[in-house]
Amino acid sequence: MANVQTLLVTNRSKGYSDHMGKKQDRPKTLTDQIRAALADCGETRYRVAKNSGLNEPQLCRFAAGQGLSLSALDALAEYLGLEIVVRGKGKD
């Protein structure tokens, strides 16, 4: 794939409340962002699995919310053209 997508990783504190004590939405996790990129890539899970070297049941379990090994995540992210950009606190 020629397009590169960016995954945003932010420094998160343990609490998710603002200064007034109101609950804030949790930032999307890295795996949630990868799942979203998988859903939006325009290819079937079979095609992604075949071309990335993963097996289809493994990819389907990941899409349904289960985890993947780091090596499998690396292969999937590489195939989808994803990169991680780390932003420090206050640089949103």
Protein backbone atom coordinates (compact mmCIF):
# COMPACT_ATOMS: atom_id res chain seq x y z
CA MET A 1 0.00 0.00 0.00
CA ALA A 2 1.37 3.39 -0.92
CA ASN A 3 -0.56 5.52 1.57
CA VAL A 4 0.82 5.96 5.06
CA GLN A 5 -1.63 6.48 7.88
CA THR A 6 -0.64 7.96 11.21
CA LEU A 7 -1.54 6.46 14.57
CA LEU A 8 -1.50 9.00 17.35
CA VAL A 9 -0.09 7.94 20.69
CA THR A 10 -0.38 10.47 23.48
CA ASN A 11 1.06 10.51 26.95
CA ARG A 12 -1.87 9.61 29.19
CA SER A 13 -2.16 10.07 32.90
CA LYS A 14 -3.77 7.39 35.05
CA GLY A 15 -6.85 9.55 35.68
CA TYR A 16 -9.20 10.60 32.97
CA SER A 17 -10.84 13.54 34.72
CA ASP A 18 -10.40 17.19 33.89
CA HIS A 19 -9.53 19.82 36.48
CA MET A 20 -13.21 20.10 37.53
CA GLY A 21 -13.54 16.38 38.16
CA LYS A 22 -15.63 15.65 35.06
CA LYS A 23 -15.00 12.37 33.30
CA GLN A 24 -13.42 12.70 29.88
CA ASP A 25 -13.54 10.22 27.05
CA ARG A 26 -10.60 7.86 27.00
CA PRO A 27 -8.25 8.34 24.05
CA LYS A 28 -8.44 5.52 21.51
CA THR A 29 -5.95 2.79 22.30
CA LEU A 30 -3.29 1.84 19.80
CA THR A 31 -5.06 -1.45 19.02
CA ASP A 32 -8.38 0.41 18.55
CA GLN A 33 -6.66 2.67 16.03
CA ILE A 34 -5.21 -0.33 14.19
CA ARG A 35 -8.64 -2.01 14.16
CA ALA A 36 -10.15 1.19 12.70
CA ALA A 37 -7.44 1.28 10.00
CA LEU A 38 -8.16 -2.37 9.20
CA ALA A 39 -11.89 -1.67 8.89
CA ASP A 40 -11.24 1.39 6.70
CA CYS A 41 -8.59 -0.10 4.40
CA GLY A 42 -11.07 -1.16 1.72
CA GLU A 43 -9.87 -4.76 1.57
CA THR A 44 -11.39 -7.95 2.89
CA ARG A 45 -9.89 -9.52 5.99
CA TYR A 46 -9.00 -12.52 3.85
CA ARG A 47 -6.98 -10.32 1.46
CA VAL A 48 -5.27 -8.44 4.32
CA ALA A 49 -4.43 -11.70 6.09
CA LYS A 50 -3.06 -13.30 2.92
CA ASN A 51 -0.94 -10.27 1.97
CA SER A 52 0.33 -9.50 5.47
CA GLY A 53 1.29 -13.07 6.36
CA LEU A 54 -1.29 -13.46 9.14
CA ASN A 55 -3.89 -16.19 9.16
CA GLU A 56 -7.49 -15.15 8.63
CA PRO A 57 -8.94 -16.53 11.90
CA GLN A 58 -6.23 -14.66 13.83
CA LEU A 59 -7.09 -11.42 12.03
CA CYS A 60 -10.84 -11.95 12.57
CA ARG A 61 -10.28 -12.49 16.30
CA PHE A 62 -8.25 -9.28 16.44
CA ALA A 63 -10.98 -7.36 14.60
CA ALA A 64 -13.48 -8.71 17.14
CA GLY A 65 -11.48 -7.33 20.06
CA GLN A 66 -8.91 -9.96 20.97
CA GLY A 67 -5.20 -9.25 21.04
CA LEU A 68 -2.39 -9.99 18.62
CA SER A 69 1.26 -10.70 19.28
CA LEU A 70 3.66 -7.82 18.74
CA SER A 71 5.13 -9.51 15.68
CA ALA A 72 1.64 -9.92 14.19
CA LEU A 73 0.82 -6.26 14.99
CA ASP A 74 4.08 -5.24 13.32
CA ALA A 75 3.19 -7.20 10.17
CA LEU A 76 -0.34 -5.80 10.07
CA ALA A 77 0.78 -2.21 10.67
CA GLU A 78 3.45 -2.52 7.98
CA TYR A 79 0.96 -3.91 5.47
CA LEU A 80 -1.57 -1.16 6.25
CA GLY A 81 1.15 1.51 5.98
CA LEU A 82 0.75 2.73 9.56
CA GLU A 83 3.24 4.74 11.56
CA ILE A 84 3.20 5.92 15.15
CA VAL A 85 3.54 9.58 16.03
CA VAL A 86 4.12 10.34 19.70
CA ARG A 87 2.85 13.65 20.97
CA GLY A 88 3.71 14.94 24.40
CA LYS A 89 1.21 16.33 26.84
CA GLY A 90 -0.35 19.61 25.67
CA LYS A 91 0.68 19.25 22.02
CA ASP A 92 -2.70 18.10 20.70
